[in-house]
Amino acid sequence: MRTIRVETAAATILLTEAPEPKVRDRQTGEIAKDAVSGEALMTLGVVYIEEGESSLIKVTIPEGGVSEGLALGAPVSLPGLVARPWESVFNGQQRHGIAFRAAAVTPAAFPVTAEAAA
């Protein structure tokens, strides 16, 4: 399936859920691994704010991409953020959505607004 690059330069992204291991199989507790590198995957929650609108999203990142110094409510950077549409059939019902993935999550700074700069 096609991935779509997400431009984050004009956005404010705040950490709302700390990174935790992504579970592949809830019955066995198996942790999801990257198909190419075999590295364990993590998920985290962020609020993505751009042009006065906000969205809560879950983002998957490789375990090695989790930086030190992350704090809930603080701004973060998600280099390499992409969106991938998905769909599946579960218990006879079709489901669909958008999965988000980034190469890493790092601490960032709040953007300087025009009012604060004046």
PDB file of N, CA and C in Angstrom:
ATOM      1  N   MET A   1       0.829  -1.174   0.000  1.00  0.00           N
ATOM      2  CA  MET A   1       0.000   0.000   0.000  1.00  0.00           C
ATOM      3  C   MET A   1       0.880   1.246   0.000  1.00  0.00           C
ATOM      4  N   ARG A   2       0.423   2.286  -0.591  1.00  0.00           N
ATOM      5  CA  ARG A   2       1.179   3.528  -0.729  1.00  0.00           C
ATOM      6  C   ARG A   2       1.279   4.271   0.604  1.00  0.00           C
ATOM      7  N   THR A   3       2.441   4.887   0.846  1.00  0.00           N
ATOM      8  CA  THR A   3       2.599   5.739   2.019  1.00  0.00           C
ATOM      9  C   THR A   3       2.628   7.192   1.563  1.00  0.00           C
ATOM     10  N   ILE A   4       2.157   8.068   2.421  1.00  0.00           N
ATOM     11  CA  ILE A   4       2.070   9.496   2.131  1.00  0.00           C
ATOM     12  C   ILE A   4       2.913  10.230   3.161  1.00  0.00           C
ATOM     13  N   ARG A   5       3.895  11.002   2.709  1.00  0.00           N
ATOM     14  CA  ARG A   5       4.732  11.776   3.628  1.00  0.00           C
ATOM     15  C   ARG A   5       3.909  12.888   4.276  1.00  0.00           C
ATOM     16  N   VAL A   6       4.093  13.059   5.573  1.00  0.00           N
ATOM     17  CA  VAL A   6       3.383  14.100   6.317  1.00  0.00           C
ATOM     18  C   VAL A   6       4.368  15.218   6.613  1.00  0.00           C
ATOM     19  N   GLU A   7       4.092  16.408   6.096  1.00  0.00           N
ATOM     20  CA  GLU A   7       4.943  17.576   6.335  1.00  0.00           C
ATOM     21  C   GLU A   7       4.605  18.134   7.715  1.00  0.00           C
ATOM     22  N   THR A   8       5.593  18.191   8.597  1.00  0.00           N
ATOM     23  CA  THR A   8       5.345  18.600   9.983  1.00  0.00           C
ATOM     24  C   THR A   8       5.941  19.962  10.334  1.00  0.00           C
ATOM     25  N   ALA A   9       6.552  20.645   9.376  1.00  0.00           N
ATOM     26  CA  ALA A   9       7.253  21.909   9.669  1.00  0.00           C
ATOM     27  C   ALA A   9       6.330  22.968  10.266  1.00  0.00           C
ATOM     28  N   ALA A  10       5.075  23.040   9.831  1.00  0.00           N
ATOM     29  CA  ALA A  10       4.157  24.069  10.311  1.00  0.00           C
ATOM     30  C   ALA A  10       3.285  23.584  11.470  1.00  0.00           C
ATOM     31  N   ALA A  11       3.526  22.364  11.950  1.00  0.00           N
ATOM     32  CA  ALA A  11       2.681  21.778  12.989  1.00  0.00           C
ATOM     33  C   ALA A  11       3.342  21.839  14.360  1.00  0.00           C
ATOM     34  N   THR A  12       2.505  21.830  15.387  1.00  0.00           N
ATOM     35  CA  THR A  12       2.953  21.628  16.758  1.00  0.00           C
ATOM     36  C   THR A  12       2.499  20.226  17.138  1.00  0.00           C
ATOM     37  N   ILE A  13       3.427  19.408  17.619  1.00  0.00           N
ATOM     38  CA  ILE A  13       3.111  18.023  17.982  1.00  0.00           C
ATOM     39  C   ILE A  13       3.462  17.848  19.452  1.00  0.00           C
ATOM     40  N   LEU A  14       2.464  17.462  20.259  1.00  0.00           N
ATOM     41  CA  LEU A  14       2.653  17.294  21.706  1.00  0.00           C
ATOM     42  C   LEU A  14       2.478  15.831  22.087  1.00  0.00           C
ATOM     43  N   LEU A  15       3.360  15.325  22.934  1.00  0.00           N
ATOM     44  CA  LEU A  15       3.293  13.941  23.393  1.00  0.00           C
ATOM     45  C   LEU A  15       2.153  13.781  24.399  1.00  0.00           C
ATOM     46  N   THR A  16       1.224  12.862  24.120  1.00  0.00           N
ATOM     47  CA  THR A  16       0.097  12.632  25.025  1.00  0.00           C
ATOM     48  C   THR A  16       0.141  11.256  25.682  1.00  0.00           C
ATOM     49  N   GLU A  17       0.856  10.300  25.065  1.00  0.00           N
ATOM     50  CA  GLU A  17       1.012   8.960  25.635  1.00  0.00           C
ATOM     51  C   GLU A  17       2.451   8.522  25.446  1.00  0.00           C
ATOM     52  N   ALA A  18       3.088   8.102  26.524  1.00  0.00           N
ATOM     53  CA  ALA A  18       4.488   7.667  26.476  1.00  0.00           C
ATOM     54  C   ALA A  18       4.643   6.446  25.570  1.00  0.00           C
ATOM     55  N   PRO A  19       5.806   6.291  24.941  1.00  0.00           N
ATOM     56  CA  PRO A  19       6.049   5.124  24.098  1.00  0.00           C
ATOM     57  C   PRO A  19       5.914   3.829  24.892  1.00  0.00           C
ATOM     58  N   GLU A  20       5.271   2.848  24.272  1.00  0.00           N
ATOM     59  CA  GLU A  20       5.145   1.521  24.871  1.00  0.00           C
ATOM     60  C   GLU A  20       5.246   0.480  23.761  1.00  0.00           C
ATOM     61  N   PRO A  21       5.636  -0.745  24.088  1.00  0.00           N
ATOM     62  CA  PRO A  21       5.783  -1.767  23.054  1.00  0.00           C
ATOM     63  C   PRO A  21       4.472  -2.003  22.295  1.00  0.00           C
ATOM     64  N   LYS A  22       4.583  -2.172  20.984  1.00  0.00           N
ATOM     65  CA  LYS A  22       3.417  -2.459  20.143  1.00  0.00           C
ATOM     66  C   LYS A  22       3.184  -3.971  20.175  1.00  0.00           C
ATOM     67  N   VAL A  23       2.004  -4.372  20.600  1.00  0.00           N
ATOM     68  CA  VAL A  23       1.674  -5.791  20.726  1.00  0.00           C
ATOM     69  C   VAL A  23       1.126  -6.292  19.392  1.00  0.00           C
ATOM     70  N   ARG A  24       1.750  -7.349  18.888  1.00  0.00           N
ATOM     71  CA  ARG A  24       1.304  -7.929  17.614  1.00  0.00           C
ATOM     72  C   ARG A  24       0.146  -8.888  17.843  1.00  0.00           C
ATOM     73  N   ASP A  25       0.255  -9.714  18.890  1.00  0.00           N
ATOM     74  CA  ASP A  25      -0.761 -10.722  19.194  1.00  0.00           C
ATOM     75  C   ASP A  25      -1.173 -10.564  20.645  1.00  0.00           C
ATOM     76  N   ARG A  26      -2.379 -10.105  20.877  1.00  0.00           N
ATOM     77  CA  ARG A  26      -2.843  -9.845  22.252  1.00  0.00           C
ATOM     78  C   ARG A  26      -2.967 -11.120  23.082  1.00  0.00           C
ATOM     79  N   GLN A  27      -3.231 -12.262  22.422  1.00  0.00           N
ATOM     80  CA  GLN A  27      -3.374 -13.514  23.164  1.00  0.00           C
ATOM     81  C   GLN A  27      -2.038 -14.015  23.697  1.00  0.00           C
ATOM     82  N   THR A  28      -0.978 -13.879  22.909  1.00  0.00           N
ATOM     83  CA  THR A  28       0.335 -14.382  23.331  1.00  0.00           C
ATOM     84  C   THR A  28       1.214 -13.288  23.927  1.00  0.00           C
ATOM     85  N   GLY A  29       0.861 -12.017  23.683  1.00  0.00           N
ATOM     86  CA  GLY A  29       1.669 -10.909  24.156  1.00  0.00           C
ATOM     87  C   GLY A  29       2.874 -10.632  23.269  1.00  0.00           C
ATOM     88  N   GLU A  30       2.921 -11.271  22.086  1.00  0.00           N
ATOM     89  CA  GLU A  30       4.047 -11.092  21.160  1.00  0.00           C
ATOM     90  C   GLU A  30       4.176  -9.627  20.745  1.00  0.00           C
ATOM     91  N   ILE A  31       5.394  -9.106  20.797  1.00  0.00           N
ATOM     92  CA  ILE A  31       5.691  -7.725  20.422  1.00  0.00           C
ATOM     93  C   ILE A  31       5.909  -7.647  18.913  1.00  0.00           C
ATOM     94  N   ALA A  32       5.340  -6.629  18.281  1.00  0.00           N
ATOM     95  CA  ALA A  32       5.494  -6.434  16.839  1.00  0.00           C
ATOM     96  C   ALA A  32       6.936  -6.069  16.509  1.00  0.00           C
ATOM     97  N   LYS A  33       7.400  -6.563  15.375  1.00  0.00           N
ATOM     98  CA  LYS A  33       8.770  -6.294  14.905  1.00  0.00           C
ATOM     99  C   LYS A  33       8.705  -5.671  13.517  1.00  0.00           C
ATOM    100  N   ASP A  34       9.704  -4.836  13.215  1.00  0.00           N
ATOM    101  CA  ASP A  34       9.816  -4.255  11.883  1.00  0.00           C
ATOM    102  C   ASP A  34      10.101  -5.378  10.890  1.00  0.00           C
ATOM    103  N   ALA A  35       9.376  -5.388   9.769  1.00  0.00           N
ATOM    104  CA  ALA A  35       9.512  -6.454   8.785  1.00  0.00           C
ATOM    105  C   ALA A  35      10.895  -6.492   8.149  1.00  0.00           C
ATOM    106  N   VAL A  36      11.570  -5.351   8.037  1.00  0.00           N
ATOM    107  CA  VAL A  36      12.870  -5.293   7.378  1.00  0.00           C
ATOM    108  C   VAL A  36      14.014  -5.486   8.373  1.00  0.00           C
ATOM    109  N   SER A  37      14.020  -4.703   9.449  1.00  0.00           N
ATOM    110  CA  SER A  37      15.149  -4.725  10.384  1.00  0.00           C
ATOM    111  C   SER A  37      14.998  -5.742  11.513  1.00  0.00           C
ATOM    112  N   GLY A  38      13.766  -6.157  11.803  1.00  0.00           N
ATOM    113  CA  GLY A  38      13.528  -7.068  12.917  1.00  0.00           C
ATOM    114  C   GLY A  38      13.502  -6.372  14.268  1.00  0.00           C
ATOM    115  N   GLU A  39      13.653  -5.032  14.276  1.00  0.00           N
ATOM    116  CA  GLU A  39      13.662  -4.265  15.522  1.00  0.00           C
ATOM    117  C   GLU A  39      12.252  -4.191  16.109  1.00  0.00           C
ATOM    118  N   ALA A  40      12.169  -4.243  17.445  1.00  0.00           N
ATOM    119  CA  ALA A  40      10.881  -4.123  18.129  1.00  0.00           C
ATOM    120  C   ALA A  40      10.252  -2.764  17.819  1.00  0.00           C
ATOM    121  N   LEU A  41       8.923  -2.735  17.734  1.00  0.00           N
ATOM    122  CA  LEU A  41       8.200  -1.497  17.447  1.00  0.00           C
ATOM    123  C   LEU A  41       7.516  -0.968  18.695  1.00  0.00           C
ATOM    124  N   MET A  42       7.393   0.343  18.765  1.00  0.00           N
ATOM    125  CA  MET A  42       6.754   1.036  19.877  1.00  0.00           C
ATOM    126  C   MET A  42       5.607   1.881  19.322  1.00  0.00           C
ATOM    127  N   THR A  43       4.615   2.176  20.165  1.00  0.00           N
ATOM    128  CA  THR A  43       3.568   3.121  19.789  1.00  0.00           C
ATOM    129  C   THR A  43       3.537   4.244  20.818  1.00  0.00           C
ATOM    130  N   LEU A  44       3.117   5.413  20.370  1.00  0.00           N
ATOM    131  CA  LEU A  44       2.957   6.547  21.270  1.00  0.00           C
ATOM    132  C   LEU A  44       1.787   7.379  20.767  1.00  0.00           C
ATOM    133  N   GLY A  45       1.249   8.189  21.649  1.00  0.00           N
ATOM    134  CA  GLY A  45       0.142   9.068  21.286  1.00  0.00           C
ATOM    135  C   GLY A  45       0.605  10.505  21.239  1.00  0.00           C
ATOM    136  N   VAL A  46       0.120  11.230  20.238  1.00  0.00           N
ATOM    137  CA  VAL A  46       0.427  12.653  20.112  1.00  0.00           C
ATOM    138  C   VAL A  46      -0.827  13.407  19.714  1.00  0.00           C
ATOM    139  N   VAL A  47      -0.822  14.708  20.002  1.00  0.00           N
ATOM    140  CA  VAL A  47      -1.825  15.594  19.434  1.00  0.00           C
ATOM    141  C   VAL A  47      -1.090  16.404  18.376  1.00  0.00           C
ATOM    142  N   TYR A  48      -1.635  16.382  17.165  1.00  0.00           N
ATOM    143  CA  TYR A  48      -1.036  17.049  16.002  1.00  0.00           C
ATOM    144  C   TYR A  48      -1.858  18.308  15.755  1.00  0.00           C
ATOM    145  N   ILE A  49      -1.243  19.478  15.906  1.00  0.00           N
ATOM    146  CA  ILE A  49      -1.949  20.755  15.802  1.00  0.00           C
ATOM    147  C   ILE A  49      -1.380  21.535  14.618  1.00  0.00           C
ATOM    148  N   GLU A  50      -2.273  21.921  13.690  1.00  0.00           N
ATOM    149  CA  GLU A  50      -1.847  22.707  12.540  1.00  0.00           C
ATOM    150  C   GLU A  50      -3.018  23.553  12.057  1.00  0.00           C
ATOM    151  N   GLU A  51      -2.742  24.833  11.815  1.00  0.00           N
ATOM    152  CA  GLU A  51      -3.734  25.786  11.308  1.00  0.00           C
ATOM    153  C   GLU A  51      -5.013  25.786  12.148  1.00  0.00           C
ATOM    154  N   GLY A  52      -4.855  25.757  13.472  1.00  0.00           N
ATOM    155  CA  GLY A  52      -5.996  25.850  14.374  1.00  0.00           C
ATOM    156  C   GLY A  52      -6.801  24.579  14.542  1.00  0.00           C
ATOM    157  N   GLU A  53      -6.404  23.484  13.909  1.00  0.00           N
ATOM    158  CA  GLU A  53      -7.109  22.207  14.047  1.00  0.00           C
ATOM    159  C   GLU A  53      -6.182  21.199  14.703  1.00  0.00           C
ATOM    160  N   SER A  54      -6.768  20.279  15.473  1.00  0.00           N
ATOM    161  CA  SER A  54      -5.945  19.279  16.149  1.00  0.00           C
ATOM    162  C   SER A  54      -6.531  17.885  15.952  1.00  0.00           C
ATOM    163  N   SER A  55      -5.650  16.892  16.002  1.00  0.00           N
ATOM    164  CA  SER A  55      -6.042  15.485  15.892  1.00  0.00           C
ATOM    165  C   SER A  55      -5.191  14.671  16.857  1.00  0.00           C
ATOM    166  N   LEU A  56      -5.822  13.728  17.530  1.00  0.00           N
ATOM    167  CA  LEU A  56      -5.096  12.770  18.357  1.00  0.00           C
ATOM    168  C   LEU A  56      -4.735  11.598  17.463  1.00  0.00           C
ATOM    169  N   ILE A  57      -3.451  11.248  17.403  1.00  0.00           N
ATOM    170  CA  ILE A  57      -3.051  10.120  16.565  1.00  0.00           C
ATOM    171  C   ILE A  57      -2.086   9.219  17.318  1.00  0.00           C
ATOM    172  N   LYS A  58      -2.059   7.947  16.930  1.00  0.00           N
ATOM    173  CA  LYS A  58      -1.086   6.972  17.422  1.00  0.00           C
ATOM    174  C   LYS A  58      -0.021   6.847  16.346  1.00  0.00           C
ATOM    175  N   VAL A  59       1.230   6.813  16.762  1.00  0.00           N
ATOM    176  CA  VAL A  59       2.351   6.716  15.831  1.00  0.00           C
ATOM    177  C   VAL A  59       3.209   5.520  16.229  1.00  0.00           C
ATOM    178  N   THR A  60       3.630   4.742  15.242  1.00  0.00           N
ATOM    179  CA  THR A  60       4.524   3.609  15.460  1.00  0.00           C
ATOM    180  C   THR A  60       5.944   4.044  15.109  1.00  0.00           C
ATOM    181  N   ILE A  61       6.890   3.680  15.978  1.00  0.00           N
ATOM    182  CA  ILE A  61       8.304   4.001  15.729  1.00  0.00           C
ATOM    183  C   ILE A  61       9.142   2.793  16.133  1.00  0.00           C
ATOM    184  N   PRO A  62      10.345   2.646  15.554  1.00  0.00           N
ATOM    185  CA  PRO A  62      11.230   1.575  16.015  1.00  0.00           C
ATOM    186  C   PRO A  62      11.751   1.889  17.416  1.00  0.00           C
ATOM    187  N   GLU A  63      11.995   0.856  18.191  1.00  0.00           N
ATOM    188  CA  GLU A  63      12.447   1.038  19.578  1.00  0.00           C
ATOM    189  C   GLU A  63      13.703   1.909  19.658  1.00  0.00           C
ATOM    190  N   GLY A  64      14.625   1.763  18.722  1.00  0.00           N
ATOM    191  CA  GLY A  64      15.850   2.546  18.717  1.00  0.00           C
ATOM    192  C   GLY A  64      15.632   4.014  18.397  1.00  0.00           C
ATOM    193  N   GLY A  65      14.439   4.378  17.928  1.00  0.00           N
ATOM    194  CA  GLY A  65      14.128   5.762  17.592  1.00  0.00           C
ATOM    195  C   GLY A  65      13.551   6.568  18.741  1.00  0.00           C
ATOM    196  N   VAL A  66      13.410   5.947  19.914  1.00  0.00           N
ATOM    197  CA  VAL A  66      12.874   6.652  21.085  1.00  0.00           C
ATOM    198  C   VAL A  66      14.005   7.402  21.770  1.00  0.00           C
ATOM    199  N   SER A  67      13.934   8.729  21.783  1.00  0.00           N
ATOM    200  CA  SER A  67      14.974   9.563  22.394  1.00  0.00           C
ATOM    201  C   SER A  67      14.763   9.712  23.893  1.00  0.00           C
ATOM    202  N   GLU A  68      15.833  10.018  24.587  1.00  0.00           N
ATOM    203  CA  GLU A  68      15.764  10.340  26.015  1.00  0.00           C
ATOM    204  C   GLU A  68      15.174  11.751  26.167  1.00  0.00           C
ATOM    205  N   GLY A  69      14.640  12.052  27.334  1.00  0.00           N
ATOM    206  CA  GLY A  69      14.168  13.394  27.630  1.00  0.00           C
ATOM    207  C   GLY A  69      12.760  13.697  27.163  1.00  0.00           C
ATOM    208  N   LEU A  70      11.973  12.676  26.818  1.00  0.00           N
ATOM    209  CA  LEU A  70      10.585  12.909  26.408  1.00  0.00           C
ATOM    210  C   LEU A  70       9.733  13.131  27.653  1.00  0.00           C
ATOM    211  N   ALA A  71       8.805  14.103  27.580  1.00  0.00           N
ATOM    212  CA  ALA A  71       7.917  14.383  28.707  1.00  0.00           C
ATOM    213  C   ALA A  71       6.496  14.545  28.194  1.00  0.00           C
ATOM    214  N   LEU A  72       5.544  13.963  28.906  1.00  0.00           N
ATOM    215  CA  LEU A  72       4.141  14.103  28.513  1.00  0.00           C
ATOM    216  C   LEU A  72       3.748  15.572  28.473  1.00  0.00           C
ATOM    217  N   GLY A  73       3.037  15.962  27.426  1.00  0.00           N
ATOM    218  CA  GLY A  73       2.592  17.342  27.259  1.00  0.00           C
ATOM    219  C   GLY A  73       3.613  18.226  26.576  1.00  0.00           C
ATOM    220  N   ALA A  74       4.819  17.730  26.406  1.00  0.00           N
ATOM    221  CA  ALA A  74       5.886  18.525  25.795  1.00  0.00           C
ATOM    222  C   ALA A  74       5.880  18.347  24.273  1.00  0.00           C
ATOM    223  N   PRO A  75       6.405  19.339  23.561  1.00  0.00           N
ATOM    224  CA  PRO A  75       6.485  19.217  22.103  1.00  0.00           C
ATOM    225  C   PRO A  75       7.526  18.174  21.695  1.00  0.00           C
ATOM    226  N   VAL A  76       7.228  17.458  20.613  1.00  0.00           N
ATOM    227  CA  VAL A  76       8.135  16.462  20.065  1.00  0.00           C
ATOM    228  C   VAL A  76       8.249  16.640  18.560  1.00  0.00           C
ATOM    229  N   SER A  77       9.279  16.053  18.009  1.00  0.00           N
ATOM    230  CA  SER A  77       9.489  16.014  16.568  1.00  0.00           C
ATOM    231  C   SER A  77       9.361  14.563  16.123  1.00  0.00           C
ATOM    232  N   LEU A  78       8.745  14.348  14.954  1.00  0.00           N
ATOM    233  CA  LEU A  78       8.581  13.005  14.399  1.00  0.00           C
ATOM    234  C   LEU A  78       9.210  12.957  13.009  1.00  0.00           C
ATOM    235  N   PRO A  79      10.538  12.845  12.922  1.00  0.00           N
ATOM    236  CA  PRO A  79      11.181  12.821  11.610  1.00  0.00           C
ATOM    237  C   PRO A  79      10.719  11.620  10.788  1.00  0.00           C
ATOM    238  N   GLY A  80      10.511  11.856   9.506  1.00  0.00           N
ATOM    239  CA  GLY A  80      10.110  10.782   8.606  1.00  0.00           C
ATOM    240  C   GLY A  80       8.676  10.327   8.780  1.00  0.00           C
ATOM    241  N   LEU A  81       7.801  11.193   9.308  1.00  0.00           N
ATOM    242  CA  LEU A  81       6.406  10.801   9.545  1.00  0.00           C
ATOM    243  C   LEU A  81       5.694  10.521   8.224  1.00  0.00           C
ATOM    244  N   VAL A  82       5.057   9.353   8.143  1.00  0.00           N
ATOM    245  CA  VAL A  82       4.269   8.974   6.973  1.00  0.00           C
ATOM    246  C   VAL A  82       2.912   8.446   7.423  1.00  0.00           C
ATOM    247  N   ALA A  83       1.935   8.561   6.535  1.00  0.00           N
ATOM    248  CA  ALA A  83       0.599   8.022   6.762  1.00  0.00           C
ATOM    249  C   ALA A  83       0.359   6.918   5.743  1.00  0.00           C
ATOM    250  N   ARG A  84      -0.250   5.828   6.191  1.00  0.00           N
ATOM    251  CA  ARG A  84      -0.535   4.704   5.297  1.00  0.00           C
ATOM    252  C   ARG A  84      -1.994   4.282   5.479  1.00  0.00           C
ATOM    253  N   PRO A  85      -2.839   4.457   4.453  1.00  0.00           N
ATOM    254  CA  PRO A  85      -4.215   3.984   4.548  1.00  0.00           C
ATOM    255  C   PRO A  85      -4.234   2.453   4.655  1.00  0.00           C
ATOM    256  N   TRP A  86      -5.190   1.906   5.415  1.00  0.00           N
ATOM    257  CA  TRP A  86      -5.317   0.456   5.541  1.00  0.00           C
ATOM    258  C   TRP A  86      -6.789   0.078   5.587  1.00  0.00           C
ATOM    259  N   GLU A  87      -7.054  -1.176   5.266  1.00  0.00           N
ATOM    260  CA  GLU A  87      -8.399  -1.723   5.442  1.00  0.00           C
ATOM    261  C   GLU A  87      -8.282  -3.222   5.652  1.00  0.00           C
ATOM    262  N   SER A  88      -9.234  -3.773   6.402  1.00  0.00           N
ATOM    263  CA  SER A  88      -9.247  -5.206   6.672  1.00  0.00           C
ATOM    264  C   SER A  88     -10.663  -5.631   7.026  1.00  0.00           C
ATOM    265  N   VAL A  89     -10.880  -6.927   7.029  1.00  0.00           N
ATOM    266  CA  VAL A  89     -12.164  -7.491   7.436  1.00  0.00           C
ATOM    267  C   VAL A  89     -11.923  -8.229   8.745  1.00  0.00           C
ATOM    268  N   PHE A  90     -12.684  -7.874   9.786  1.00  0.00           N
ATOM    269  CA  PHE A  90     -12.554  -8.493  11.094  1.00  0.00           C
ATOM    270  C   PHE A  90     -13.937  -8.903  11.563  1.00  0.00           C
ATOM    271  N   ASN A  91     -14.120 -10.186  11.859  1.00  0.00           N
ATOM    272  CA  ASN A  91     -15.437 -10.715  12.268  1.00  0.00           C
ATOM    273  C   ASN A  91     -16.527 -10.337  11.271  1.00  0.00           C
ATOM    274  N   GLY A  92     -16.191 -10.406   9.992  1.00  0.00           N
ATOM    275  CA  GLY A  92     -17.174 -10.132   8.947  1.00  0.00           C
ATOM    276  C   GLY A  92     -17.452  -8.664   8.705  1.00  0.00           C
ATOM    277  N   GLN A  93     -16.787  -7.777   9.419  1.00  0.00           N
ATOM    278  CA  GLN A  93     -17.017  -6.344   9.226  1.00  0.00           C
ATOM    279  C   GLN A  93     -15.770  -5.710   8.628  1.00  0.00           C
ATOM    280  N   GLN A  94     -15.985  -4.881   7.607  1.00  0.00           N
ATOM    281  CA  GLN A  94     -14.870  -4.189   6.993  1.00  0.00           C
ATOM    282  C   GLN A  94     -14.487  -2.989   7.845  1.00  0.00           C
ATOM    283  N   ARG A  95     -13.181  -2.859   8.102  1.00  0.00           N
ATOM    284  CA  ARG A  95     -12.654  -1.744   8.873  1.00  0.00           C
ATOM    285  C   ARG A  95     -11.602  -1.047   8.038  1.00  0.00           C
ATOM    286  N   HIS A  96     -11.403   0.238   8.301  1.00  0.00           N
ATOM    287  CA  HIS A  96     -10.381   0.988   7.574  1.00  0.00           C
ATOM    288  C   HIS A  96      -9.897   2.147   8.439  1.00  0.00           C
ATOM    289  N   GLY A  97      -8.743   2.684   8.076  1.00  0.00           N
ATOM    290  CA  GLY A  97      -8.186   3.798   8.831  1.00  0.00           C
ATOM    291  C   GLY A  97      -6.884   4.255   8.220  1.00  0.00           C
ATOM    292  N   ILE A  98      -6.136   5.001   9.008  1.00  0.00           N
ATOM    293  CA  ILE A  98      -4.834   5.497   8.588  1.00  0.00           C
ATOM    294  C   ILE A  98      -3.837   5.161   9.687  1.00  0.00           C
ATOM    295  N   ALA A  99      -2.747   4.503   9.316  1.00  0.00           N
ATOM    296  CA  ALA A  99      -1.676   4.176  10.261  1.00  0.00           C
ATOM    297  C   ALA A  99      -0.552   5.190  10.068  1.00  0.00           C
ATOM    298  N   PHE A 100       0.014   5.666  11.169  1.00  0.00           N
ATOM    299  CA  PHE A 100       1.105   6.640  11.126  1.00  0.00           C
ATOM    300  C   PHE A 100       2.385   5.981  11.613  1.00  0.00           C
ATOM    301  N   ARG A 101       3.484   6.281  10.936  1.00  0.00           N
ATOM    302  CA  ARG A 101       4.785   5.727  11.312  1.00  0.00           C
ATOM    303  C   ARG A 101       5.848   6.801  11.149  1.00  0.00           C
ATOM    304  N   ALA A 102       6.811   6.825  12.064  1.00  0.00           N
ATOM    305  CA  ALA A 102       7.924   7.778  11.991  1.00  0.00           C
ATOM    306  C   ALA A 102       9.224   7.027  12.261  1.00  0.00           C
ATOM    307  N   ALA A 103      10.326   7.630  11.852  1.00  0.00           N
ATOM    308  CA  ALA A 103      11.637   7.024  12.077  1.00  0.00           C
ATOM    309  C   ALA A 103      12.068   7.159  13.525  1.00  0.00           C
ATOM    310  N   ALA A 104      11.596   8.220  14.207  1.00  0.00           N
ATOM    311  CA  ALA A 104      12.020   8.479  15.585  1.00  0.00           C
ATOM    312  C   ALA A 104      11.059   9.454  16.239  1.00  0.00           C
ATOM    313  N   VAL A 105      11.221   9.619  17.555  1.00  0.00           N
ATOM    314  CA  VAL A 105      10.532  10.671  18.304  1.00  0.00           C
ATOM    315  C   VAL A 105      11.592  11.345  19.159  1.00  0.00           C
ATOM    316  N   THR A 106      11.698  12.674  19.024  1.00  0.00           N
ATOM    317  CA  THR A 106      12.712  13.430  19.748  1.00  0.00           C
ATOM    318  C   THR A 106      12.080  14.648  20.402  1.00  0.00           C
ATOM    319  N   PRO A 107      12.650  15.143  21.503  1.00  0.00           N
ATOM    320  CA  PRO A 107      12.141  16.382  22.110  1.00  0.00           C
ATOM    321  C   PRO A 107      12.260  17.532  21.116  1.00  0.00           C
ATOM    322  N   ALA A 108      11.321  18.460  21.184  1.00  0.00           N
ATOM    323  CA  ALA A 108      11.326  19.638  20.307  1.00  0.00           C
ATOM    324  C   ALA A 108      11.013  20.863  21.166  1.00  0.00           C
ATOM    325  N   ALA A 109      10.963  22.020  20.523  1.00  0.00           N
ATOM    326  CA  ALA A 109      10.637  23.270  21.204  1.00  0.00           C
ATOM    327  C   ALA A 109       9.304  23.783  20.691  1.00  0.00           C
ATOM    328  N   PHE A 110       8.608  24.543  21.526  1.00  0.00           N
ATOM    329  CA  PHE A 110       7.387  25.181  21.070  1.00  0.00           C
ATOM    330  C   PHE A 110       7.740  26.186  19.987  1.00  0.00           C
ATOM    331  N   PRO A 111       6.924  26.276  18.929  1.00  0.00           N
ATOM    332  CA  PRO A 111       7.222  27.269  17.885  1.00  0.00           C
ATOM    333  C   PRO A 111       7.033  28.682  18.415  1.00  0.00           C
ATOM    334  N   VAL A 112       7.801  29.609  17.899  1.00  0.00           N
ATOM    335  CA  VAL A 112       7.676  31.015  18.268  1.00  0.00           C
ATOM    336  C   VAL A 112       6.548  31.623  17.453  1.00  0.00           C
ATOM    337  N   THR A 113       5.579  32.217  18.131  1.00  0.00           N
ATOM    338  CA  THR A 113       4.454  32.842  17.432  1.00  0.00           C
ATOM    339  C   THR A 113       4.792  34.300  17.138  1.00  0.00           C
ATOM    340  N   ALA A 114       4.041  34.902  16.234  1.00  0.00           N
ATOM    341  CA  ALA A 114       4.271  36.295  15.861  1.00  0.00           C
ATOM    342  C   ALA A 114       4.063  37.214  17.072  1.00  0.00           C
ATOM    343  N   GLU A 115       3.084  36.895  17.929  1.00  0.00           N
ATOM    344  CA  GLU A 115       2.805  37.733  19.096  1.00  0.00           C
ATOM    345  C   GLU A 115       3.969  37.643  20.095  1.00  0.00           C
ATOM    346  N   ALA A 116       4.529  36.434  20.265  1.00  0.00           N
ATOM    347  CA  ALA A 116       5.611  36.251  21.235  1.00  0.00           C
ATOM    348  C   ALA A 116       6.896  36.913  20.744  1.00  0.00           C
ATOM    349  N   ALA A 117       7.080  36.979  19.445  1.00  0.00           N
ATOM    350  CA  ALA A 117       8.289  37.575  18.878  1.00  0.00           C
ATOM    351  C   ALA A 117       8.276  39.101  18.944  1.00  0.00           C
ATOM    352  N   ALA A 118       7.077  39.687  19.049  1.00  0.00           N
ATOM    353  CA  ALA A 118       6.956  41.152  19.051  1.00  0.00           C
ATOM    354  C   ALA A 118       7.273  41.766  20.390  1.00  0.00           C
TER     355      ALA A 118
END
